[in-house]
Amino acid sequence: IPVHKDHPYCINLFNTDYLTNLSALDTDKLSADLAAA
């Protein structure tokens, strides 16, 4: 199920390819979130 363009913020995904191969880790998001924590 795609994330609607009007609500791109609604769910935390750790894959950038969540609709296809499920193998590309979103390292930028994870490292930024952990730094914020």
PDB file of all heavy atoms in Angstrom:
ATOM      1  N   ILE A   1       0.861  -1.185   0.000  1.00  0.00           N
ATOM      2  CA  ILE A   1       0.000   0.000   0.000  1.00  0.00           C
ATOM      3  C   ILE A   1       0.899   1.237   0.000  1.00  0.00           C
ATOM      4  O   ILE A   1       1.687   1.437   0.921  1.00  0.00           O
ATOM      5  CB  ILE A   1      -0.914   0.028   1.243  1.00  0.00           C
ATOM      6  CG1 ILE A   1      -1.779  -1.237   1.292  1.00  0.00           C
ATOM      7  CG2 ILE A   1      -1.777   1.287   1.238  1.00  0.00           C
ATOM      8  CD1 ILE A   1      -2.574  -1.375   2.578  1.00  0.00           C
ATOM      9  N   PRO A   2       0.798   2.090  -1.019  1.00  0.00           N
ATOM     10  CA  PRO A   2       1.681   3.261  -1.055  1.00  0.00           C
ATOM     11  C   PRO A   2       1.285   4.310  -0.015  1.00  0.00           C
ATOM     12  O   PRO A   2       0.102   4.447   0.333  1.00  0.00           O
ATOM     13  CB  PRO A   2       1.490   3.798  -2.481  1.00  0.00           C
ATOM     14  CG  PRO A   2       0.147   3.313  -2.898  1.00  0.00           C
ATOM     15  CD  PRO A   2      -0.075   1.997  -2.212  1.00  0.00           C
ATOM     16  N   VAL A   3       2.267   4.995   0.484  1.00  0.00           N
ATOM     17  CA  VAL A   3       2.015   6.133   1.365  1.00  0.00           C
ATOM     18  C   VAL A   3       1.498   7.284   0.509  1.00  0.00           C
ATOM     19  O   VAL A   3       2.144   7.669  -0.476  1.00  0.00           O
ATOM     20  CB  VAL A   3       3.296   6.539   2.112  1.00  0.00           C
ATOM     21  CG1 VAL A   3       3.047   7.783   2.954  1.00  0.00           C
ATOM     22  CG2 VAL A   3       3.786   5.392   2.994  1.00  0.00           C
ATOM     23  N   HIS A   4       0.343   7.827   0.870  1.00  0.00           N
ATOM     24  CA  HIS A   4      -0.268   8.881   0.074  1.00  0.00           C
ATOM     25  C   HIS A   4       0.615  10.119   0.065  1.00  0.00           C
ATOM     26  O   HIS A   4       1.207  10.487   1.077  1.00  0.00           O
ATOM     27  CB  HIS A   4      -1.656   9.223   0.624  1.00  0.00           C
ATOM     28  CG  HIS A   4      -2.512   9.992  -0.334  1.00  0.00           C
ATOM     29  ND1 HIS A   4      -2.395  11.367  -0.516  1.00  0.00           N
ATOM     30  CD2 HIS A   4      -3.501   9.588  -1.189  1.00  0.00           C
ATOM     31  CE1 HIS A   4      -3.256  11.778  -1.419  1.00  0.00           C
ATOM     32  NE2 HIS A   4      -3.948  10.711  -1.846  1.00  0.00           N
ATOM     33  N   LYS A   5       0.663  10.766  -1.110  1.00  0.00           N
ATOM     34  CA  LYS A   5       1.531  11.929  -1.263  1.00  0.00           C
ATOM     35  C   LYS A   5       1.147  13.073  -0.337  1.00  0.00           C
ATOM     36  O   LYS A   5       1.980  13.928  -0.024  1.00  0.00           O
ATOM     37  CB  LYS A   5       1.495  12.393  -2.715  1.00  0.00           C
ATOM     38  CG  LYS A   5       0.124  12.901  -3.180  1.00  0.00           C
ATOM     39  CD  LYS A   5       0.158  13.365  -4.629  1.00  0.00           C
ATOM     40  CE  LYS A   5      -1.200  13.911  -5.055  1.00  0.00           C
ATOM     41  NZ  LYS A   5      -1.177  14.392  -6.461  1.00  0.00           N
ATOM     42  N   ASP A   6      -0.121  13.120   0.088  1.00  0.00           N
ATOM     43  CA  ASP A   6      -0.550  14.180   1.008  1.00  0.00           C
ATOM     44  C   ASP A   6      -0.117  13.918   2.447  1.00  0.00           C
ATOM     45  O   ASP A   6      -0.184  14.829   3.283  1.00  0.00           O
ATOM     46  CB  ASP A   6      -2.072  14.339   0.968  1.00  0.00           C
ATOM     47  CG  ASP A   6      -2.576  14.901  -0.354  1.00  0.00           C
ATOM     48  OD1 ASP A   6      -1.769  15.499  -1.094  1.00  0.00           O
ATOM     49  OD2 ASP A   6      -3.777  14.723  -0.642  1.00  0.00           O
ATOM     50  N   HIS A   7       0.296  12.690   2.742  1.00  0.00           N
ATOM     51  CA  HIS A   7       0.674  12.324   4.108  1.00  0.00           C
ATOM     52  C   HIS A   7       1.987  11.540   4.102  1.00  0.00           C
ATOM     53  O   HIS A   7       2.058  10.426   4.647  1.00  0.00           O
ATOM     54  CB  HIS A   7      -0.434  11.502   4.768  1.00  0.00           C
ATOM     55  CG  HIS A   7      -1.804  12.090   4.646  1.00  0.00           C
ATOM     56  ND1 HIS A   7      -2.188  13.228   5.340  1.00  0.00           N
ATOM     57  CD2 HIS A   7      -2.872  11.711   3.883  1.00  0.00           C
ATOM     58  CE1 HIS A   7      -3.439  13.527   5.028  1.00  0.00           C
ATOM     59  NE2 HIS A   7      -3.878  12.626   4.150  1.00  0.00           N
ATOM     60  N   PRO A   8       3.053  12.086   3.546  1.00  0.00           N
ATOM     61  CA  PRO A   8       4.319  11.337   3.446  1.00  0.00           C
ATOM     62  C   PRO A   8       4.953  11.048   4.795  1.00  0.00           C
ATOM     63  O   PRO A   8       5.822  10.196   4.919  1.00  0.00           O
ATOM     64  CB  PRO A   8       5.211  12.266   2.609  1.00  0.00           C
ATOM     65  CG  PRO A   8       4.651  13.641   2.871  1.00  0.00           C
ATOM     66  CD  PRO A   8       3.175  13.448   3.009  1.00  0.00           C
ATOM     67  N   TYR A   9       4.499  11.742   5.805  1.00  0.00           N
ATOM     68  CA  TYR A   9       5.049  11.652   7.155  1.00  0.00           C
ATOM     69  C   TYR A   9       4.398  10.565   8.010  1.00  0.00           C
ATOM     70  O   TYR A   9       4.800  10.335   9.145  1.00  0.00           O
ATOM     71  CB  TYR A   9       4.830  12.989   7.871  1.00  0.00           C
ATOM     72  CG  TYR A   9       3.411  13.522   7.688  1.00  0.00           C
ATOM     73  CD1 TYR A   9       2.327  12.974   8.368  1.00  0.00           C
ATOM     74  CD2 TYR A   9       3.159  14.550   6.788  1.00  0.00           C
ATOM     75  CE1 TYR A   9       1.041  13.434   8.172  1.00  0.00           C
ATOM     76  CE2 TYR A   9       1.864  15.017   6.573  1.00  0.00           C
ATOM     77  CZ  TYR A   9       0.813  14.457   7.282  1.00  0.00           C
ATOM     78  OH  TYR A   9      -0.479  14.914   7.081  1.00  0.00           O
ATOM     79  N   CYS A  10       3.349   9.890   7.503  1.00  0.00           N
ATOM     80  CA  CYS A  10       2.467   9.132   8.377  1.00  0.00           C
ATOM     81  C   CYS A  10       3.088   7.861   8.956  1.00  0.00           C
ATOM     82  O   CYS A  10       2.602   7.357   9.970  1.00  0.00           O
ATOM     83  CB  CYS A  10       1.149   8.806   7.672  1.00  0.00           C
ATOM     84  SG  CYS A  10       1.277   7.616   6.327  1.00  0.00           S
ATOM     85  N   ILE A  11       4.135   7.305   8.337  1.00  0.00           N
ATOM     86  CA  ILE A  11       4.703   6.053   8.827  1.00  0.00           C
ATOM     87  C   ILE A  11       6.214   6.043   8.658  1.00  0.00           C
ATOM     88  O   ILE A  11       6.739   6.525   7.651  1.00  0.00           O
ATOM     89  CB  ILE A  11       4.054   4.842   8.103  1.00  0.00           C
ATOM     90  CG1 ILE A  11       4.521   3.525   8.728  1.00  0.00           C
ATOM     91  CG2 ILE A  11       4.327   4.886   6.605  1.00  0.00           C
ATOM     92  CD1 ILE A  11       3.646   2.342   8.307  1.00  0.00           C
ATOM     93  N   ASN A  12       6.922   5.492   9.658  1.00  0.00           N
ATOM     94  CA  ASN A  12       8.380   5.402   9.625  1.00  0.00           C
ATOM     95  C   ASN A  12       8.803   4.122   8.901  1.00  0.00           C
ATOM     96  O   ASN A  12       8.628   3.017   9.419  1.00  0.00           O
ATOM     97  CB  ASN A  12       8.957   5.390  11.040  1.00  0.00           C
ATOM     98  CG  ASN A  12       8.861   6.730  11.725  1.00  0.00           C
ATOM     99  OD1 ASN A  12       8.550   7.747  11.107  1.00  0.00           O
ATOM    100  ND2 ASN A  12       9.118   6.749  13.026  1.00  0.00           N
ATOM    101  N   LEU A  13       9.352   4.279   7.704  1.00  0.00           N
ATOM    102  CA  LEU A  13       9.835   3.170   6.895  1.00  0.00           C
ATOM    103  C   LEU A  13      11.353   3.143   6.931  1.00  0.00           C
ATOM    104  O   LEU A  13      11.979   4.197   6.783  1.00  0.00           O
ATOM    105  CB  LEU A  13       9.348   3.310   5.461  1.00  0.00           C
ATOM    106  CG  LEU A  13       7.821   3.298   5.270  1.00  0.00           C
ATOM    107  CD1 LEU A  13       7.444   3.907   3.928  1.00  0.00           C
ATOM    108  CD2 LEU A  13       7.308   1.862   5.360  1.00  0.00           C
ATOM    109  N   PHE A  14      11.950   1.962   7.107  1.00  0.00           N
ATOM    110  CA  PHE A  14      13.410   1.922   7.098  1.00  0.00           C
ATOM    111  C   PHE A  14      13.978   1.499   5.743  1.00  0.00           C
ATOM    112  O   PHE A  14      15.190   1.495   5.570  1.00  0.00           O
ATOM    113  CB  PHE A  14      13.956   1.033   8.214  1.00  0.00           C
ATOM    114  CG  PHE A  14      13.651  -0.435   8.115  1.00  0.00           C
ATOM    115  CD1 PHE A  14      14.345  -1.262   7.231  1.00  0.00           C
ATOM    116  CD2 PHE A  14      12.704  -1.017   8.932  1.00  0.00           C
ATOM    117  CE1 PHE A  14      14.083  -2.620   7.159  1.00  0.00           C
ATOM    118  CE2 PHE A  14      12.424  -2.380   8.856  1.00  0.00           C
ATOM    119  CZ  PHE A  14      13.123  -3.185   7.965  1.00  0.00           C
ATOM    120  N   ASN A  15      13.109   1.156   4.783  1.00  0.00           N
ATOM    121  CA  ASN A  15      13.542   0.871   3.418  1.00  0.00           C
ATOM    122  C   ASN A  15      13.121   2.004   2.487  1.00  0.00           C
ATOM    123  O   ASN A  15      11.975   2.465   2.550  1.00  0.00           O
ATOM    124  CB  ASN A  15      12.927  -0.432   2.899  1.00  0.00           C
ATOM    125  CG  ASN A  15      13.503  -1.662   3.554  1.00  0.00           C
ATOM    126  OD1 ASN A  15      14.712  -1.793   3.713  1.00  0.00           O
ATOM    127  ND2 ASN A  15      12.635  -2.592   3.936  1.00  0.00           N
ATOM    128  N   THR A  16      14.018   2.417   1.615  1.00  0.00           N
ATOM    129  CA  THR A  16      13.636   3.393   0.599  1.00  0.00           C
ATOM    130  C   THR A  16      12.853   2.732  -0.531  1.00  0.00           C
ATOM    131  O   THR A  16      12.135   3.405  -1.265  1.00  0.00           O
ATOM    132  CB  THR A  16      14.871   4.097   0.021  1.00  0.00           C
ATOM    133  OG1 THR A  16      15.763   3.118  -0.529  1.00  0.00           O
ATOM    134  CG2 THR A  16      15.604   4.880   1.108  1.00  0.00           C
ATOM    135  N   ASP A  17      12.969   1.410  -0.676  1.00  0.00           N
ATOM    136  CA  ASP A  17      12.277   0.669  -1.725  1.00  0.00           C
ATOM    137  C   ASP A  17      11.158  -0.198  -1.129  1.00  0.00           C
ATOM    138  O   ASP A  17      11.003  -1.370  -1.476  1.00  0.00           O
ATOM    139  CB  ASP A  17      13.262  -0.191  -2.523  1.00  0.00           C
ATOM    140  CG  ASP A  17      14.020  -1.199  -1.666  1.00  0.00           C
ATOM    141  OD1 ASP A  17      13.959  -1.093  -0.409  1.00  0.00           O
ATOM    142  OD2 ASP A  17      14.666  -2.126  -2.233  1.00  0.00           O
ATOM    143  N   TYR A  18      10.362   0.384  -0.263  1.00  0.00           N
ATOM    144  CA  TYR A  18       9.369  -0.386   0.494  1.00  0.00           C
ATOM    145  C   TYR A  18       8.268  -0.981  -0.385  1.00  0.00           C
ATOM    146  O   TYR A  18       7.536  -1.878   0.059  1.00  0.00           O
ATOM    147  CB  TYR A  18       8.761   0.488   1.591  1.00  0.00           C
ATOM    148  CG  TYR A  18       7.737   1.504   1.113  1.00  0.00           C
ATOM    149  CD1 TYR A  18       6.378   1.264   1.224  1.00  0.00           C
ATOM    150  CD2 TYR A  18       8.124   2.715   0.557  1.00  0.00           C
ATOM    151  CE1 TYR A  18       5.433   2.185   0.802  1.00  0.00           C
ATOM    152  CE2 TYR A  18       7.197   3.647   0.126  1.00  0.00           C
ATOM    153  CZ  TYR A  18       5.840   3.379   0.250  1.00  0.00           C
ATOM    154  OH  TYR A  18       4.913   4.303  -0.167  1.00  0.00           O
ATOM    155  N   LEU A  19       8.103  -0.514  -1.632  1.00  0.00           N
ATOM    156  CA  LEU A  19       7.089  -1.045  -2.529  1.00  0.00           C
ATOM    157  C   LEU A  19       7.640  -2.098  -3.492  1.00  0.00           C
ATOM    158  O   LEU A  19       6.868  -2.702  -4.244  1.00  0.00           O
ATOM    159  CB  LEU A  19       6.431   0.072  -3.326  1.00  0.00           C
ATOM    160  CG  LEU A  19       5.588   1.072  -2.531  1.00  0.00           C
ATOM    161  CD1 LEU A  19       5.068   2.189  -3.438  1.00  0.00           C
ATOM    162  CD2 LEU A  19       4.419   0.381  -1.844  1.00  0.00           C
ATOM    163  N   THR A  20       8.958  -2.333  -3.438  1.00  0.00           N
ATOM    164  CA  THR A  20       9.551  -3.254  -4.410  1.00  0.00           C
ATOM    165  C   THR A  20      10.421  -4.309  -3.729  1.00  0.00           C
ATOM    166  O   THR A  20       9.918  -5.310  -3.231  1.00  0.00           O
ATOM    167  CB  THR A  20      10.360  -2.477  -5.463  1.00  0.00           C
ATOM    168  OG1 THR A  20      11.340  -1.640  -4.796  1.00  0.00           O
ATOM    169  CG2 THR A  20       9.433  -1.599  -6.305  1.00  0.00           C
ATOM    170  N   ASN A  21      11.710  -4.107  -3.684  1.00  0.00           N
ATOM    171  CA  ASN A  21      12.643  -5.151  -3.282  1.00  0.00           C
ATOM    172  C   ASN A  21      12.860  -5.294  -1.781  1.00  0.00           C
ATOM    173  O   ASN A  21      13.373  -6.308  -1.312  1.00  0.00           O
ATOM    174  CB  ASN A  21      14.011  -4.926  -3.950  1.00  0.00           C
ATOM    175  CG  ASN A  21      13.945  -5.030  -5.449  1.00  0.00           C
ATOM    176  OD1 ASN A  21      13.138  -5.789  -5.994  1.00  0.00           O
ATOM    177  ND2 ASN A  21      14.780  -4.253  -6.145  1.00  0.00           N
ATOM    178  N   LEU A  22      12.520  -4.265  -0.993  1.00  0.00           N
ATOM    179  CA  LEU A  22      12.649  -4.298   0.471  1.00  0.00           C
ATOM    180  C   LEU A  22      14.079  -4.609   0.910  1.00  0.00           C
ATOM    181  O   LEU A  22      14.315  -5.367   1.845  1.00  0.00           O
ATOM    182  CB  LEU A  22      11.704  -5.348   1.067  1.00  0.00           C
ATOM    183  CG  LEU A  22      10.225  -5.226   0.698  1.00  0.00           C
ATOM    184  CD1 LEU A  22       9.439  -6.417   1.228  1.00  0.00           C
ATOM    185  CD2 LEU A  22       9.650  -3.921   1.241  1.00  0.00           C
ATOM    186  N   SER A  23      15.054  -3.977   0.252  1.00  0.00           N
ATOM    187  CA  SER A  23      16.451  -4.282   0.566  1.00  0.00           C
ATOM    188  C   SER A  23      17.354  -3.060   0.634  1.00  0.00           C
ATOM    189  O   SER A  23      18.551  -3.199   0.909  1.00  0.00           O
ATOM    190  CB  SER A  23      17.024  -5.253  -0.479  1.00  0.00           C
ATOM    191  OG  SER A  23      16.942  -4.685  -1.785  1.00  0.00           O
ATOM    192  N   ALA A  24      16.815  -1.860   0.367  1.00  0.00           N
ATOM    193  CA  ALA A  24      17.619  -0.643   0.373  1.00  0.00           C
ATOM    194  C   ALA A  24      17.405   0.107   1.687  1.00  0.00           C
ATOM    195  O   ALA A  24      16.386   0.779   1.876  1.00  0.00           O
ATOM    196  CB  ALA A  24      17.284   0.249  -0.818  1.00  0.00           C
ATOM    197  N   LEU A  25      18.341  -0.030   2.608  1.00  0.00           N
ATOM    198  CA  LEU A  25      18.221   0.564   3.935  1.00  0.00           C
ATOM    199  C   LEU A  25      18.326   2.086   3.851  1.00  0.00           C
ATOM    200  O   LEU A  25      19.238   2.620   3.227  1.00  0.00           O
ATOM    201  CB  LEU A  25      19.314  -0.001   4.837  1.00  0.00           C
ATOM    202  CG  LEU A  25      19.226   0.331   6.329  1.00  0.00           C
ATOM    203  CD1 LEU A  25      17.965  -0.263   6.938  1.00  0.00           C
ATOM    204  CD2 LEU A  25      20.468  -0.200   7.061  1.00  0.00           C
ATOM    205  N   ASP A  26      17.392   2.769   4.476  1.00  0.00           N
ATOM    206  CA  ASP A  26      17.397   4.229   4.507  1.00  0.00           C
ATOM    207  C   ASP A  26      18.343   4.681   5.624  1.00  0.00           C
ATOM    208  O   ASP A  26      17.918   5.067   6.716  1.00  0.00           O
ATOM    209  CB  ASP A  26      15.983   4.762   4.731  1.00  0.00           C
ATOM    210  CG  ASP A  26      15.871   6.269   4.452  1.00  0.00           C
ATOM    211  OD1 ASP A  26      16.922   6.949   4.416  1.00  0.00           O
ATOM    212  OD2 ASP A  26      14.729   6.755   4.295  1.00  0.00           O
ATOM    213  N   THR A  27      19.629   4.649   5.316  1.00  0.00           N
ATOM    214  CA  THR A  27      20.636   4.964   6.329  1.00  0.00           C
ATOM    215  C   THR A  27      20.582   6.423   6.761  1.00  0.00           C
ATOM    216  O   THR A  27      20.870   6.736   7.922  1.00  0.00           O
ATOM    217  CB  THR A  27      22.043   4.620   5.813  1.00  0.00           C
ATOM    218  OG1 THR A  27      22.280   5.322   4.580  1.00  0.00           O
ATOM    219  CG2 THR A  27      22.182   3.109   5.566  1.00  0.00           C
ATOM    220  N   ASP A  28      20.206   7.300   5.842  1.00  0.00           N
ATOM    221  CA  ASP A  28      20.129   8.719   6.196  1.00  0.00           C
ATOM    222  C   ASP A  28      19.063   8.961   7.258  1.00  0.00           C
ATOM    223  O   ASP A  28      19.302   9.674   8.245  1.00  0.00           O
ATOM    224  CB  ASP A  28      19.831   9.570   4.960  1.00  0.00           C
ATOM    225  CG  ASP A  28      21.004   9.633   3.986  1.00  0.00           C
ATOM    226  OD1 ASP A  28      22.149   9.341   4.412  1.00  0.00           O
ATOM    227  OD2 ASP A  28      20.774   9.976   2.805  1.00  0.00           O
ATOM    228  N   LYS A  29      17.880   8.369   7.048  1.00  0.00           N
ATOM    229  CA  LYS A  29      16.800   8.566   8.016  1.00  0.00           C
ATOM    230  C   LYS A  29      17.151   7.947   9.363  1.00  0.00           C
ATOM    231  O   LYS A  29      16.985   8.579  10.408  1.00  0.00           O
ATOM    232  CB  LYS A  29      15.498   7.951   7.502  1.00  0.00           C
ATOM    233  CG  LYS A  29      14.359   8.041   8.519  1.00  0.00           C
ATOM    234  CD  LYS A  29      13.047   7.546   7.981  1.00  0.00           C
ATOM    235  CE  LYS A  29      11.947   7.586   9.040  1.00  0.00           C
ATOM    236  NZ  LYS A  29      11.783   8.936   9.645  1.00  0.00           N
ATOM    237  N   LEU A  30      17.641   6.710   9.345  1.00  0.00           N
ATOM    238  CA  LEU A  30      17.937   6.026  10.597  1.00  0.00           C
ATOM    239  C   LEU A  30      19.019   6.752  11.389  1.00  0.00           C
ATOM    240  O   LEU A  30      18.900   6.937  12.601  1.00  0.00           O
ATOM    241  CB  LEU A  30      18.355   4.582  10.327  1.00  0.00           C
ATOM    242  CG  LEU A  30      17.260   3.647   9.798  1.00  0.00           C
ATOM    243  CD1 LEU A  30      17.833   2.286   9.445  1.00  0.00           C
ATOM    244  CD2 LEU A  30      16.134   3.502  10.810  1.00  0.00           C
ATOM    245  N   SER A  31      20.087   7.171  10.729  1.00  0.00           N
ATOM    246  CA  SER A  31      21.174   7.850  11.444  1.00  0.00           C
ATOM    247  C   SER A  31      20.712   9.204  11.980  1.00  0.00           C
ATOM    248  O   SER A  31      21.076   9.593  13.098  1.00  0.00           O
ATOM    249  CB  SER A  31      22.395   8.008  10.532  1.00  0.00           C
ATOM    250  OG  SER A  31      22.082   8.743   9.356  1.00  0.00           O
ATOM    251  N   ALA A  32      19.873   9.923  11.214  1.00  0.00           N
ATOM    252  CA  ALA A  32      19.366  11.213  11.679  1.00  0.00           C
ATOM    253  C   ALA A  32      18.442  11.026  12.883  1.00  0.00           C
ATOM    254  O   ALA A  32      18.513  11.790  13.857  1.00  0.00           O
ATOM    255  CB  ALA A  32      18.633  11.930  10.552  1.00  0.00           C
ATOM    256  N   ASP A  33      17.575  10.026  12.824  1.00  0.00           N
ATOM    257  CA  ASP A  33      16.654   9.775  13.939  1.00  0.00           C
ATOM    258  C   ASP A  33      17.412   9.366  15.204  1.00  0.00           C
ATOM    259  O   ASP A  33      17.093   9.814  16.318  1.00  0.00           O
ATOM    260  CB  ASP A  33      15.657   8.685  13.568  1.00  0.00           C
ATOM    261  CG  ASP A  33      14.636   9.142  12.543  1.00  0.00           C
ATOM    262  OD1 ASP A  33      14.608  10.350  12.210  1.00  0.00           O
ATOM    263  OD2 ASP A  33      13.862   8.284  12.057  1.00  0.00           O
ATOM    264  N   LEU A  34      18.419   8.516  15.047  1.00  0.00           N
ATOM    265  CA  LEU A  34      19.198   8.092  16.213  1.00  0.00           C
ATOM    266  C   LEU A  34      19.997   9.261  16.796  1.00  0.00           C
ATOM    267  O   LEU A  34      20.157   9.364  18.015  1.00  0.00           O
ATOM    268  CB  LEU A  34      20.129   6.941  15.836  1.00  0.00           C
ATOM    269  CG  LEU A  34      19.416   5.591  15.648  1.00  0.00           C
ATOM    270  CD1 LEU A  34      20.299   4.607  14.894  1.00  0.00           C
ATOM    271  CD2 LEU A  34      19.008   5.006  16.993  1.00  0.00           C
ATOM    272  N   ALA A  35      20.479  10.153  15.925  1.00  0.00           N
ATOM    273  CA  ALA A  35      21.173  11.346  16.418  1.00  0.00           C
ATOM    274  C   ALA A  35      20.215  12.237  17.201  1.00  0.00           C
ATOM    275  O   ALA A  35      20.580  12.810  18.237  1.00  0.00           O
ATOM    276  CB  ALA A  35      21.790  12.107  15.251  1.00  0.00           C
ATOM    277  N   ALA A  36      18.976  12.372  16.711  1.00  0.00           N
ATOM    278  CA  ALA A  36      17.967  13.160  17.428  1.00  0.00           C
ATOM    279  C   ALA A  36      17.649  12.538  18.782  1.00  0.00           C
ATOM    280  O   ALA A  36      17.466  13.248  19.777  1.00  0.00           O
ATOM    281  CB  ALA A  36      16.697  13.273  16.582  1.00  0.00           C
ATOM    282  N   ALA A  37      17.594  11.205  18.826  1.00  0.00           N
ATOM    283  CA  ALA A  37      17.358  10.523  20.100  1.00  0.00           C
ATOM    284  C   ALA A  37      18.515  10.757  21.063  1.00  0.00           C
ATOM    285  O   ALA A  37      18.305  11.008  22.255  1.00  0.00           O
ATOM    286  CB  ALA A  37      17.152   9.027  19.865  1.00  0.00           C
TER     287      ALA A  37
END
